[in-house]
Structures are given as C-alpha cells and as structure tokens.
C-alpha cells in the first residue's frame, strides 16, 4: 500500500549515539552528530524514496565516519592497538537480521552486516571470517591507520602507562578523559606494562 502524505509526515527517526555520562565539553559534538545522521535520512523517509532499513544503514554510516561515536573511524583500540568493529541490523518486515563481530579493516561495518542479512544464509559472521566475507563480496579493505583517530592513540597510550585507566573508566560519571590522559603523561614508563582490554562500543539507530 502507499502511505498518504499525512501518514508520511508522521515519520519519526530516533538516533542513539551511546548511553554514557557524556562530558559537557563533548555535548555539542554529540548533538551535531546525531542531528546530521537524522538529517541524512528524514526527507527520504518522508517522501518515500528510502525504506526504513535504508535509513538505518545510512544514518549509521554517518556516525561511522564521525569519531565522536567510536563506531568506525575513531573507534576504541583493542589491546593490540587494532580496530575491531561490531554491527547489527534488523528488518522487522522481513524478520531478518545480519551482524558482524570483530570485523577489521572496514569503515562501514553496518553495510557488511546488511549484506549478510540480505545476501547470505548467515545471521552473524565474526573475526577473520567476517573480513573474508567482506573481501569476497567487494567491500573496501581499509588500512587500520586510516581508521585510528589521534585522541584514541593518546587514550591507548595512557592506558598502557596507567593501569588505573580502564575502558569503563572512560564512561564513568564525571570522567574527564583529557585529564586522565594528561595525568598519565606525568608517569614514568615501567619495564612491565599490563595488557589493556579495550571494549568496542555498539551504535544503534532505532
């Protein structure tokens, strides 16, 4: 069926850019990022040129390019200093879903997840298998150096120097990451450095 104009104007897009205690100095970047993601898809949804699943993918791709959201470019580094991305997407009308876990050398993990949903018999592919799938179906292989943002390098190095800085520390209320990083620079490097597990956050559009 075709929606009437009145029905189309009732389209609503909610973009969720992370649930944590966002420091005040980062508020504007988060507002700007989620607003941009909504702006990219809202008109297309209202005029019928975008399906809901198209809008989900496109909105997340906007966020994957924005280091504010740690979703693609600028994602947190793993303990080995790499970037591994998770993404999932669902189509409620078709009752289908697709996802990737620990996908390397990719900017738009959400697009790989959608391809899995629509063009494979799988629901989830992880690690090296996910990368092989992305290569096989033609997704760009991105050098990890092009995915790493400078502030994440600073945070990673701070974690290596100071065991008190853990992934969850970054998301605690009133945590000032810049201050934590600055404080770590005052410490001397020790011969023994604890390995640091750095969690990858998920991003969703609802």
N, C-alpha and C. Protein backbone atom coordinates (compact mmCIF):
# COMPACT_ATOMS: atom_id res chain seq x y z
N UNK A 1 0.84 -1.19 0.00
CA UNK A 1 0.00 0.00 0.00
C UNK A 1 0.88 1.24 0.00
N UNK A 2 0.32 2.34 -0.44
CA UNK A 2 1.04 3.61 -0.49
C UNK A 2 0.57 4.49 0.66
N UNK A 3 1.53 5.01 1.43
CA UNK A 3 1.16 5.89 2.54
C UNK A 3 0.67 7.22 2.01
N UNK A 4 -0.32 7.80 2.67
CA UNK A 4 -0.76 9.13 2.31
C UNK A 4 0.28 10.14 2.77
N UNK A 5 0.20 11.35 2.24
CA UNK A 5 1.14 12.40 2.65
C UNK A 5 1.04 12.64 4.15
N UNK A 6 -0.17 12.59 4.65
CA UNK A 6 -0.36 12.82 6.09
C UNK A 6 0.35 11.75 6.91
N UNK A 7 0.26 10.50 6.43
CA UNK A 7 0.93 9.43 7.14
C UNK A 7 2.45 9.62 7.09
N UNK A 8 2.94 10.01 5.90
CA UNK A 8 4.38 10.15 5.73
C UNK A 8 4.97 11.21 6.64
N UNK A 9 4.20 12.28 6.89
CA UNK A 9 4.74 13.35 7.72
C UNK A 9 4.89 12.92 9.17
N UNK A 10 4.30 11.77 9.53
CA UNK A 10 4.41 11.30 10.90
C UNK A 10 5.64 10.42 11.12
N UNK A 11 6.48 10.29 10.11
CA UNK A 11 7.71 9.51 10.26
C UNK A 11 8.58 10.14 11.34
N UNK A 12 9.11 9.30 12.19
CA UNK A 12 10.00 9.76 13.25
C UNK A 12 11.27 8.94 13.22
N UNK A 13 12.40 9.59 13.39
CA UNK A 13 13.69 8.91 13.42
C UNK A 13 14.34 9.20 14.76
N UNK A 14 14.76 8.14 15.43
CA UNK A 14 15.47 8.28 16.70
C UNK A 14 16.87 7.70 16.53
N UNK A 15 17.86 8.51 16.75
CA UNK A 15 19.25 8.06 16.64
C UNK A 15 19.85 8.01 18.04
N UNK A 16 20.43 6.86 18.35
CA UNK A 16 21.01 6.63 19.67
C UNK A 16 22.53 6.58 19.52
N UNK A 17 23.21 7.55 20.08
CA UNK A 17 24.65 7.66 19.88
C UNK A 17 25.49 7.25 21.06
N UNK A 18 24.96 6.37 21.91
CA UNK A 18 25.76 5.92 23.05
C UNK A 18 25.14 6.34 24.37
N UNK A 19 25.06 5.41 25.30
CA UNK A 19 24.47 5.70 26.62
C UNK A 19 25.59 5.72 27.65
N UNK A 20 26.05 6.91 27.95
CA UNK A 20 27.09 7.04 28.97
C UNK A 20 27.09 8.47 29.49
N UNK A 21 27.90 8.73 30.46
CA UNK A 21 27.95 10.06 31.06
C UNK A 21 28.82 10.96 30.18
N UNK A 22 28.21 11.55 29.17
CA UNK A 22 28.96 12.35 28.20
C UNK A 22 29.43 13.64 28.87
N UNK A 23 30.73 13.92 28.85
CA UNK A 23 31.23 15.15 29.47
C UNK A 23 30.70 16.38 28.76
N UNK A 24 30.55 17.45 29.49
CA UNK A 24 29.91 18.64 28.96
C UNK A 24 30.60 19.17 27.71
N UNK A 25 31.91 19.11 27.67
CA UNK A 25 32.62 19.65 26.51
C UNK A 25 32.35 18.85 25.23
N UNK A 26 31.80 17.64 25.37
CA UNK A 26 31.51 16.81 24.20
C UNK A 26 30.03 16.85 23.81
N UNK A 27 29.22 17.57 24.55
CA UNK A 27 27.78 17.60 24.27
C UNK A 27 27.49 18.08 22.85
N UNK A 28 28.12 19.17 22.45
CA UNK A 28 27.80 19.76 21.15
C UNK A 28 28.17 18.82 20.01
N UNK A 29 29.30 18.15 20.12
CA UNK A 29 29.70 17.21 19.06
C UNK A 29 28.71 16.07 18.94
N UNK A 30 28.20 15.60 20.07
CA UNK A 30 27.21 14.52 20.03
C UNK A 30 25.89 15.00 19.44
N UNK A 31 25.46 16.19 19.84
CA UNK A 31 24.21 16.73 19.28
C UNK A 31 24.36 16.92 17.77
N UNK A 32 25.48 17.49 17.37
CA UNK A 32 25.71 17.73 15.95
C UNK A 32 25.74 16.43 15.17
N UNK A 33 26.37 15.41 15.73
CA UNK A 33 26.48 14.13 15.03
C UNK A 33 25.16 13.42 14.85
N UNK A 34 24.36 13.36 15.91
CA UNK A 34 23.08 12.66 15.77
C UNK A 34 22.12 13.47 14.91
N UNK A 35 22.21 14.80 14.98
CA UNK A 35 21.36 15.64 14.12
C UNK A 35 21.70 15.42 12.66
N UNK A 36 22.99 15.32 12.36
CA UNK A 36 23.42 15.07 10.98
C UNK A 36 22.91 13.71 10.50
N UNK A 37 22.98 12.71 11.37
CA UNK A 37 22.51 11.37 10.98
C UNK A 37 21.02 11.38 10.66
N UNK A 38 20.24 12.09 11.46
CA UNK A 38 18.80 12.19 11.21
C UNK A 38 18.53 12.96 9.92
N UNK A 39 19.26 14.07 9.75
CA UNK A 39 19.04 14.92 8.58
C UNK A 39 19.31 14.16 7.28
N UNK A 40 20.25 13.24 7.31
CA UNK A 40 20.61 12.49 6.11
C UNK A 40 19.46 11.61 5.61
N UNK A 41 18.56 11.22 6.51
CA UNK A 41 17.57 10.21 6.11
C UNK A 41 16.11 10.67 6.24
N UNK A 42 15.86 11.72 6.97
CA UNK A 42 14.47 12.06 7.29
C UNK A 42 13.66 12.42 6.05
N UNK A 43 14.22 13.23 5.17
CA UNK A 43 13.48 13.64 3.98
C UNK A 43 13.16 12.42 3.11
N UNK A 44 14.14 11.54 2.93
CA UNK A 44 13.91 10.35 2.12
C UNK A 44 12.84 9.44 2.69
N UNK A 45 12.78 9.36 4.00
CA UNK A 45 11.73 8.55 4.62
C UNK A 45 10.36 9.18 4.41
N UNK A 46 10.31 10.49 4.51
CA UNK A 46 9.01 11.17 4.38
C UNK A 46 8.50 11.19 2.94
N UNK A 47 9.42 11.25 1.97
CA UNK A 47 8.93 11.28 0.59
C UNK A 47 8.88 9.89 -0.04
N UNK A 48 9.24 8.87 0.74
CA UNK A 48 9.11 7.51 0.27
C UNK A 48 10.26 6.98 -0.56
N UNK A 49 11.34 7.75 -0.72
CA UNK A 49 12.47 7.28 -1.51
C UNK A 49 13.41 6.38 -0.71
N UNK A 50 13.26 6.37 0.60
CA UNK A 50 14.06 5.49 1.45
C UNK A 50 13.15 4.55 2.23
N UNK A 51 13.53 3.28 2.27
CA UNK A 51 12.86 2.35 3.17
C UNK A 51 13.50 2.49 4.56
N UNK A 52 12.82 1.96 5.56
CA UNK A 52 13.33 2.07 6.92
C UNK A 52 14.73 1.46 7.05
N UNK A 53 14.95 0.30 6.41
CA UNK A 53 16.25 -0.35 6.53
C UNK A 53 17.33 0.46 5.83
N UNK A 54 16.96 1.16 4.74
CA UNK A 54 17.91 2.06 4.07
C UNK A 54 18.31 3.19 5.02
N UNK A 55 17.33 3.74 5.69
CA UNK A 55 17.58 4.86 6.59
C UNK A 55 18.47 4.45 7.75
N UNK A 56 18.23 3.25 8.28
CA UNK A 56 19.06 2.76 9.38
C UNK A 56 20.52 2.67 8.94
N UNK A 57 20.73 2.04 7.79
CA UNK A 57 22.11 1.89 7.31
C UNK A 57 22.76 3.25 7.06
N UNK A 58 22.05 4.14 6.38
CA UNK A 58 22.63 5.43 6.03
C UNK A 58 22.93 6.27 7.26
N UNK A 59 22.03 6.25 8.23
CA UNK A 59 22.25 7.03 9.45
C UNK A 59 23.48 6.53 10.20
N UNK A 60 23.62 5.22 10.28
CA UNK A 60 24.77 4.67 10.98
C UNK A 60 26.06 4.93 10.21
N UNK A 61 26.01 4.92 8.90
CA UNK A 61 27.20 5.24 8.11
C UNK A 61 27.69 6.65 8.42
N UNK A 62 26.76 7.57 8.63
CA UNK A 62 27.15 8.93 9.02
C UNK A 62 27.91 8.89 10.35
N UNK A 63 27.42 8.11 11.28
CA UNK A 63 28.04 8.02 12.59
C UNK A 63 29.36 7.25 12.55
N UNK A 64 29.47 6.30 11.63
CA UNK A 64 30.72 5.56 11.49
C UNK A 64 31.84 6.45 10.98
N UNK A 65 31.49 7.51 10.28
CA UNK A 65 32.52 8.45 9.79
C UNK A 65 32.88 9.50 10.83
N UNK A 66 32.11 9.58 11.89
CA UNK A 66 32.28 10.61 12.92
C UNK A 66 32.97 10.02 14.14
N UNK A 67 34.19 10.45 14.47
CA UNK A 67 34.91 9.87 15.61
C UNK A 67 34.25 10.12 16.95
N UNK A 68 33.27 10.99 16.98
CA UNK A 68 32.54 11.23 18.23
C UNK A 68 31.93 9.95 18.77
N UNK A 69 31.51 9.04 17.88
CA UNK A 69 30.71 7.90 18.30
C UNK A 69 31.47 6.58 18.40
N UNK A 70 32.77 6.59 18.16
CA UNK A 70 33.58 5.37 18.35
C UNK A 70 32.99 4.18 17.58
N UNK A 71 32.45 4.43 16.40
CA UNK A 71 31.74 3.36 15.70
C UNK A 71 32.46 2.87 14.46
N UNK A 72 33.36 3.66 13.92
CA UNK A 72 34.11 3.29 12.72
C UNK A 72 35.43 4.00 12.79
N UNK A 73 35.54 5.14 12.10
CA UNK A 73 36.71 5.99 12.27
C UNK A 73 36.72 6.52 13.70
N UNK A 74 37.85 6.34 14.38
CA UNK A 74 37.95 6.83 15.76
C UNK A 74 37.44 5.86 16.79
N UNK A 75 37.21 4.60 16.40
CA UNK A 75 36.77 3.60 17.37
C UNK A 75 37.89 3.33 18.38
N UNK A 76 37.50 2.77 19.52
CA UNK A 76 38.49 2.42 20.54
C UNK A 76 39.43 1.35 20.00
N UNK A 77 40.66 1.41 20.46
CA UNK A 77 41.66 0.42 20.05
C UNK A 77 41.58 -0.81 20.93
N UNK A 78 41.88 -1.95 20.33
CA UNK A 78 41.97 -3.19 21.10
C UNK A 78 43.27 -3.20 21.88
N UNK A 79 43.46 -4.24 22.68
CA UNK A 79 44.69 -4.36 23.47
C UNK A 79 45.93 -4.42 22.58
N UNK A 80 45.75 -4.86 21.33
CA UNK A 80 46.87 -4.93 20.39
C UNK A 80 47.02 -3.66 19.57
N UNK A 81 46.20 -2.66 19.83
CA UNK A 81 46.27 -1.41 19.08
C UNK A 81 45.58 -1.48 17.73
N UNK A 82 44.67 -2.41 17.58
CA UNK A 82 43.93 -2.57 16.33
C UNK A 82 42.52 -2.01 16.50
N UNK A 83 41.74 -2.02 15.41
CA UNK A 83 40.33 -1.64 15.48
C UNK A 83 39.49 -2.81 15.00
N UNK A 84 38.57 -3.23 15.84
CA UNK A 84 37.64 -4.31 15.51
C UNK A 84 36.22 -3.80 15.73
N UNK A 85 35.40 -3.92 14.74
CA UNK A 85 34.05 -3.34 14.78
C UNK A 85 32.96 -4.41 14.86
N UNK A 86 31.92 -4.07 15.59
CA UNK A 86 30.71 -4.89 15.65
C UNK A 86 29.57 -4.07 15.05
N UNK A 87 28.66 -4.72 14.38
CA UNK A 87 27.47 -4.03 13.88
C UNK A 87 26.37 -5.06 13.64
N UNK A 88 25.13 -4.62 13.82
CA UNK A 88 24.00 -5.50 13.52
C UNK A 88 22.86 -4.66 12.96
N UNK A 89 22.04 -5.29 12.16
CA UNK A 89 20.90 -4.61 11.56
C UNK A 89 19.75 -5.60 11.45
N UNK A 90 18.54 -5.10 11.57
CA UNK A 90 17.36 -5.95 11.52
C UNK A 90 16.31 -5.33 10.61
N UNK A 91 15.57 -6.17 9.93
CA UNK A 91 14.45 -5.75 9.09
C UNK A 91 13.19 -6.39 9.67
N UNK A 92 12.40 -5.59 10.35
CA UNK A 92 11.22 -6.11 11.03
C UNK A 92 10.17 -6.65 10.08
N UNK A 93 10.06 -6.08 8.89
CA UNK A 93 9.04 -6.55 7.94
C UNK A 93 9.37 -7.95 7.43
N UNK A 94 10.66 -8.19 7.20
CA UNK A 94 11.07 -9.50 6.66
C UNK A 94 11.48 -10.47 7.76
N UNK A 95 11.54 -9.98 8.99
CA UNK A 95 12.01 -10.78 10.12
C UNK A 95 13.39 -11.38 9.84
N UNK A 96 14.28 -10.51 9.35
CA UNK A 96 15.64 -10.92 9.04
C UNK A 96 16.63 -10.05 9.81
N UNK A 97 17.83 -10.58 10.00
CA UNK A 97 18.88 -9.79 10.64
C UNK A 97 20.24 -10.25 10.15
N UNK A 98 21.23 -9.39 10.33
CA UNK A 98 22.60 -9.72 9.97
C UNK A 98 23.54 -8.97 10.88
N UNK A 99 24.70 -9.54 11.12
CA UNK A 99 25.64 -8.89 12.03
C UNK A 99 27.07 -9.33 11.76
N UNK A 100 28.00 -8.48 12.19
CA UNK A 100 29.42 -8.81 12.16
C UNK A 100 29.99 -8.54 13.54
N UNK A 101 31.02 -9.29 13.88
CA UNK A 101 31.69 -9.13 15.17
C UNK A 101 33.20 -9.13 14.92
N UNK A 102 33.89 -8.20 15.57
CA UNK A 102 35.35 -8.12 15.46
C UNK A 102 35.80 -8.03 14.01
N UNK A 103 35.13 -7.20 13.24
CA UNK A 103 35.48 -7.01 11.84
C UNK A 103 36.60 -5.98 11.72
N UNK A 104 37.67 -6.33 11.05
CA UNK A 104 38.82 -5.45 10.90
C UNK A 104 38.85 -4.82 9.51
N UNK A 105 39.63 -3.72 9.40
CA UNK A 105 39.92 -3.07 8.11
C UNK A 105 38.67 -2.67 7.35
N UNK A 106 37.73 -2.12 8.08
CA UNK A 106 36.45 -1.69 7.48
C UNK A 106 35.98 -0.42 8.16
N UNK A 107 35.49 0.52 7.37
CA UNK A 107 34.89 1.72 7.95
C UNK A 107 33.41 1.50 8.24
N UNK A 108 32.71 0.91 7.28
CA UNK A 108 31.25 0.79 7.41
C UNK A 108 30.84 -0.65 7.70
N UNK A 109 31.01 -1.04 8.95
CA UNK A 109 30.63 -2.40 9.35
C UNK A 109 29.13 -2.63 9.19
N UNK A 110 28.34 -1.58 9.32
CA UNK A 110 26.89 -1.73 9.22
C UNK A 110 26.50 -2.20 7.82
N UNK A 111 27.23 -1.76 6.80
CA UNK A 111 26.90 -2.17 5.43
C UNK A 111 27.25 -3.64 5.19
N UNK A 112 28.32 -4.10 5.83
CA UNK A 112 28.65 -5.52 5.73
C UNK A 112 27.57 -6.35 6.42
N UNK A 113 27.11 -5.87 7.59
CA UNK A 113 26.04 -6.57 8.31
C UNK A 113 24.78 -6.65 7.46
N UNK A 114 24.46 -5.57 6.78
CA UNK A 114 23.26 -5.59 5.93
C UNK A 114 23.42 -6.56 4.77
N UNK A 115 24.61 -6.60 4.19
CA UNK A 115 24.84 -7.53 3.09
C UNK A 115 24.67 -8.97 3.57
N UNK A 116 25.14 -9.26 4.75
CA UNK A 116 24.96 -10.60 5.32
C UNK A 116 23.47 -10.91 5.47
N UNK A 117 22.72 -9.94 5.94
CA UNK A 117 21.28 -10.14 6.13
C UNK A 117 20.57 -10.42 4.82
N UNK A 118 20.92 -9.68 3.80
CA UNK A 118 20.16 -9.74 2.55
C UNK A 118 20.71 -10.72 1.51
N UNK A 119 21.97 -11.10 1.63
CA UNK A 119 22.58 -11.88 0.55
C UNK A 119 23.29 -13.14 1.02
N UNK A 120 23.07 -13.54 2.25
CA UNK A 120 23.70 -14.77 2.72
C UNK A 120 22.71 -15.57 3.56
N UNK A 121 23.12 -16.75 3.92
CA UNK A 121 22.28 -17.59 4.79
C UNK A 121 22.69 -17.43 6.25
N UNK A 122 23.62 -16.52 6.53
CA UNK A 122 24.13 -16.35 7.89
C UNK A 122 23.38 -15.25 8.63
N UNK A 123 23.48 -15.29 9.94
CA UNK A 123 22.98 -14.22 10.79
C UNK A 123 24.14 -13.43 11.37
N UNK A 124 25.23 -14.09 11.67
CA UNK A 124 26.41 -13.43 12.24
C UNK A 124 27.68 -14.08 11.70
N UNK A 125 28.64 -13.23 11.36
CA UNK A 125 29.98 -13.70 10.97
C UNK A 125 30.98 -12.90 11.78
N UNK A 126 32.00 -13.58 12.29
CA UNK A 126 32.93 -12.92 13.22
C UNK A 126 34.37 -13.04 12.76
N UNK A 127 35.18 -12.08 13.23
CA UNK A 127 36.63 -12.14 13.10
C UNK A 127 37.12 -12.27 11.67
N UNK A 128 38.08 -13.17 11.48
CA UNK A 128 38.69 -13.36 10.16
C UNK A 128 37.66 -13.77 9.12
N UNK A 129 36.65 -14.52 9.53
CA UNK A 129 35.59 -14.92 8.61
C UNK A 129 34.81 -13.73 8.10
N UNK A 130 34.58 -12.76 8.98
CA UNK A 130 33.86 -11.55 8.58
C UNK A 130 34.68 -10.75 7.57
N UNK A 131 35.99 -10.67 7.81
CA UNK A 131 36.85 -9.94 6.88
C UNK A 131 36.89 -10.64 5.52
N UNK A 132 36.98 -11.96 5.53
CA UNK A 132 36.99 -12.71 4.27
C UNK A 132 35.68 -12.51 3.51
N UNK A 133 34.57 -12.50 4.24
CA UNK A 133 33.28 -12.28 3.60
C UNK A 133 33.26 -10.89 2.95
N UNK A 134 33.69 -9.88 3.71
CA UNK A 134 33.69 -8.51 3.19
C UNK A 134 34.56 -8.40 1.94
N UNK A 135 35.72 -9.04 1.96
CA UNK A 135 36.60 -9.03 0.78
C UNK A 135 35.93 -9.72 -0.41
N UNK A 136 35.31 -10.85 -0.14
CA UNK A 136 34.74 -11.66 -1.22
C UNK A 136 33.61 -10.94 -1.94
N UNK A 137 32.82 -10.17 -1.20
CA UNK A 137 31.68 -9.51 -1.83
C UNK A 137 31.99 -8.08 -2.27
N UNK A 138 33.25 -7.65 -2.08
CA UNK A 138 33.67 -6.39 -2.68
C UNK A 138 33.73 -5.17 -1.80
N UNK A 139 33.71 -5.32 -0.49
CA UNK A 139 33.83 -4.15 0.38
C UNK A 139 35.29 -3.70 0.44
N UNK A 140 35.48 -2.40 0.52
CA UNK A 140 36.82 -1.83 0.55
C UNK A 140 37.62 -2.32 1.76
N UNK A 141 38.87 -2.64 1.53
CA UNK A 141 39.78 -3.04 2.60
C UNK A 141 40.51 -1.77 3.04
N UNK A 142 40.22 -1.29 4.24
CA UNK A 142 40.75 -0.02 4.73
C UNK A 142 41.94 -0.28 5.66
N UNK A 143 43.03 0.42 5.41
CA UNK A 143 44.20 0.31 6.28
C UNK A 143 43.82 0.80 7.67
N UNK A 144 44.19 0.04 8.69
CA UNK A 144 43.81 0.40 10.05
C UNK A 144 44.31 1.78 10.42
N UNK A 145 45.42 2.22 9.83
CA UNK A 145 45.94 3.55 10.13
C UNK A 145 45.00 4.65 9.70
N UNK A 146 44.15 4.36 8.73
CA UNK A 146 43.17 5.34 8.28
C UNK A 146 41.90 5.34 9.13
N UNK A 147 41.83 4.44 10.08
CA UNK A 147 40.66 4.36 10.97
C UNK A 147 40.95 4.90 12.37
N UNK A 148 42.22 5.11 12.67
CA UNK A 148 42.61 5.48 14.03
C UNK A 148 42.65 7.00 14.17
N UNK A 149 41.92 7.53 15.16
CA UNK A 149 41.92 8.95 15.45
C UNK A 149 42.99 9.27 16.49
N UNK A 150 43.59 10.44 16.42
CA UNK A 150 44.67 10.80 17.34
C UNK A 150 44.30 10.70 18.81
N UNK A 151 43.06 11.09 19.16
CA UNK A 151 42.69 11.04 20.57
C UNK A 151 42.63 9.61 21.09
N UNK A 152 42.32 8.65 20.22
CA UNK A 152 42.30 7.26 20.65
C UNK A 152 43.71 6.71 20.84
N UNK A 153 44.65 7.21 20.07
CA UNK A 153 46.05 6.84 20.29
C UNK A 153 46.50 7.34 21.65
N UNK A 154 46.14 8.57 21.97
CA UNK A 154 46.51 9.13 23.27
C UNK A 154 45.90 8.33 24.41
N UNK A 155 44.63 7.97 24.25
CA UNK A 155 43.97 7.19 25.29
C UNK A 155 44.60 5.81 25.42
N UNK A 156 44.90 5.19 24.31
CA UNK A 156 45.53 3.86 24.32
C UNK A 156 46.88 3.92 25.03
N UNK A 157 47.68 4.91 24.71
CA UNK A 157 49.00 5.04 25.34
C UNK A 157 48.86 5.33 26.83
N UNK A 158 47.84 6.11 27.19
CA UNK A 158 47.62 6.40 28.61
C UNK A 158 47.25 5.14 29.37
N UNK A 159 46.46 4.28 28.76
CA UNK A 159 46.08 3.02 29.40
C UNK A 159 47.29 2.11 29.59
N UNK A 160 48.20 2.15 28.63
CA UNK A 160 49.40 1.34 28.75
C UNK A 160 50.29 1.82 29.90
N UNK A 161 50.29 3.11 30.15
CA UNK A 161 51.13 3.69 31.19
C UNK A 161 50.50 3.61 32.57
N UNK A 162 49.18 3.68 32.61
CA UNK A 162 48.49 3.81 33.90
C UNK A 162 47.39 2.76 34.00
N UNK A 163 47.62 1.74 34.80
CA UNK A 163 46.66 0.65 34.94
C UNK A 163 45.35 1.10 35.56
N UNK A 164 45.34 2.27 36.17
CA UNK A 164 44.11 2.77 36.79
C UNK A 164 43.10 3.23 35.74
N UNK A 165 43.56 3.49 34.53
CA UNK A 165 42.67 3.91 33.45
C UNK A 165 42.22 2.67 32.71
N UNK A 166 40.96 2.30 32.89
CA UNK A 166 40.38 1.13 32.25
C UNK A 166 39.28 1.58 31.29
N UNK A 167 38.84 0.71 30.38
CA UNK A 167 37.78 1.10 29.46
C UNK A 167 36.56 1.68 30.16
N UNK A 168 36.14 1.05 31.24
CA UNK A 168 34.93 1.54 31.92
C UNK A 168 35.16 2.89 32.58
N UNK A 169 36.44 3.20 32.88
CA UNK A 169 36.75 4.50 33.49
C UNK A 169 36.29 5.64 32.60
N UNK A 170 36.44 5.45 31.30
CA UNK A 170 36.10 6.49 30.34
C UNK A 170 34.62 6.85 30.40
N UNK A 171 33.80 5.87 30.75
CA UNK A 171 32.36 6.09 30.72
C UNK A 171 31.74 6.34 32.10
N UNK A 172 32.57 6.48 33.11
CA UNK A 172 32.05 6.75 34.44
C UNK A 172 31.57 8.19 34.53
N UNK A 173 30.56 8.45 35.39
CA UNK A 173 30.08 9.82 35.56
C UNK A 173 31.22 10.76 35.94
N UNK A 174 31.22 11.92 35.29
CA UNK A 174 32.19 12.98 35.58
C UNK A 174 33.62 12.62 35.18
N UNK A 175 33.80 11.56 34.42
CA UNK A 175 35.14 11.21 33.96
C UNK A 175 35.61 12.25 32.95
N UNK A 176 36.81 12.73 33.12
CA UNK A 176 37.41 13.68 32.19
C UNK A 176 38.56 12.97 31.50
N UNK A 177 38.31 12.45 30.31
CA UNK A 177 39.32 11.65 29.62
C UNK A 177 40.57 12.47 29.36
N UNK A 178 40.39 13.73 28.98
CA UNK A 178 41.55 14.57 28.69
C UNK A 178 42.45 14.70 29.92
N UNK A 179 41.82 14.84 31.08
CA UNK A 179 42.59 14.96 32.32
C UNK A 179 43.28 13.64 32.64
N UNK A 180 42.59 12.52 32.41
CA UNK A 180 43.21 11.22 32.66
C UNK A 180 44.43 11.01 31.77
N UNK A 181 44.29 11.39 30.51
CA UNK A 181 45.40 11.24 29.58
C UNK A 181 46.56 12.14 29.99
N UNK A 182 46.23 13.38 30.36
CA UNK A 182 47.27 14.32 30.78
C UNK A 182 48.02 13.79 32.00
N UNK A 183 47.27 13.25 32.95
CA UNK A 183 47.88 12.72 34.16
C UNK A 183 48.81 11.55 33.85
N UNK A 184 48.43 10.74 32.87
CA UNK A 184 49.25 9.58 32.54
C UNK A 184 50.60 9.99 31.97
N UNK A 185 50.63 11.16 31.32
CA UNK A 185 51.88 11.62 30.73
C UNK A 185 52.91 12.00 31.80
N UNK A 186 52.44 12.19 33.04
CA UNK A 186 53.34 12.55 34.12
C UNK A 186 54.00 11.32 34.74
N UNK A 187 53.56 10.13 34.35
CA UNK A 187 54.09 8.90 34.93
C UNK A 187 55.30 8.42 34.14
N UNK A 188 56.19 7.76 34.83
CA UNK A 188 57.34 7.15 34.15
C UNK A 188 56.92 5.81 33.59
N UNK A 189 57.50 5.48 32.46
CA UNK A 189 57.23 4.17 31.89
C UNK A 189 57.94 3.09 32.70
N UNK A 190 57.24 2.01 33.02
CA UNK A 190 57.85 0.91 33.76
C UNK A 190 58.22 -0.20 32.80
N UNK A 191 59.19 -1.04 33.15
CA UNK A 191 59.58 -2.14 32.26
C UNK A 191 58.44 -3.11 32.00
N UNK A 192 57.52 -3.23 32.93
CA UNK A 192 56.41 -4.16 32.79
C UNK A 192 55.13 -3.37 32.58
N UNK A 193 54.46 -3.61 31.44
CA UNK A 193 53.22 -2.91 31.12
C UNK A 193 52.09 -3.91 31.02
N UNK A 194 51.06 -3.70 31.79
CA UNK A 194 49.92 -4.60 31.74
C UNK A 194 49.19 -4.45 30.42
N UNK A 195 48.75 -5.58 29.86
CA UNK A 195 47.94 -5.54 28.65
C UNK A 195 46.61 -4.92 29.00
N UNK A 196 46.05 -4.17 28.07
CA UNK A 196 44.80 -3.46 28.32
C UNK A 196 43.73 -3.96 27.37
N UNK A 197 42.63 -4.38 27.91
CA UNK A 197 41.49 -4.77 27.08
C UNK A 197 40.63 -3.54 26.85
N UNK A 198 40.43 -3.19 25.61
CA UNK A 198 39.66 -2.01 25.26
C UNK A 198 38.38 -2.44 24.58
N UNK A 199 37.26 -2.09 25.15
CA UNK A 199 35.96 -2.54 24.63
C UNK A 199 35.54 -1.72 23.43
N UNK A 200 34.84 -2.37 22.49
CA UNK A 200 34.26 -1.70 21.34
C UNK A 200 32.78 -1.43 21.63
N UNK A 201 32.41 -0.17 21.56
CA UNK A 201 31.01 0.19 21.82
C UNK A 201 30.16 -0.12 20.61
N UNK A 202 28.91 -0.33 20.86
CA UNK A 202 27.96 -0.55 19.78
C UNK A 202 27.18 0.73 19.52
N UNK A 203 26.70 0.88 18.33
CA UNK A 203 25.90 2.03 17.96
C UNK A 203 24.62 1.53 17.33
N UNK A 204 23.51 2.10 17.71
CA UNK A 204 22.25 1.66 17.14
C UNK A 204 21.40 2.83 16.69
N UNK A 205 20.59 2.61 15.70
CA UNK A 205 19.59 3.58 15.27
C UNK A 205 18.24 2.89 15.39
N UNK A 206 17.33 3.52 16.11
CA UNK A 206 16.04 2.89 16.37
C UNK A 206 14.92 3.69 15.72
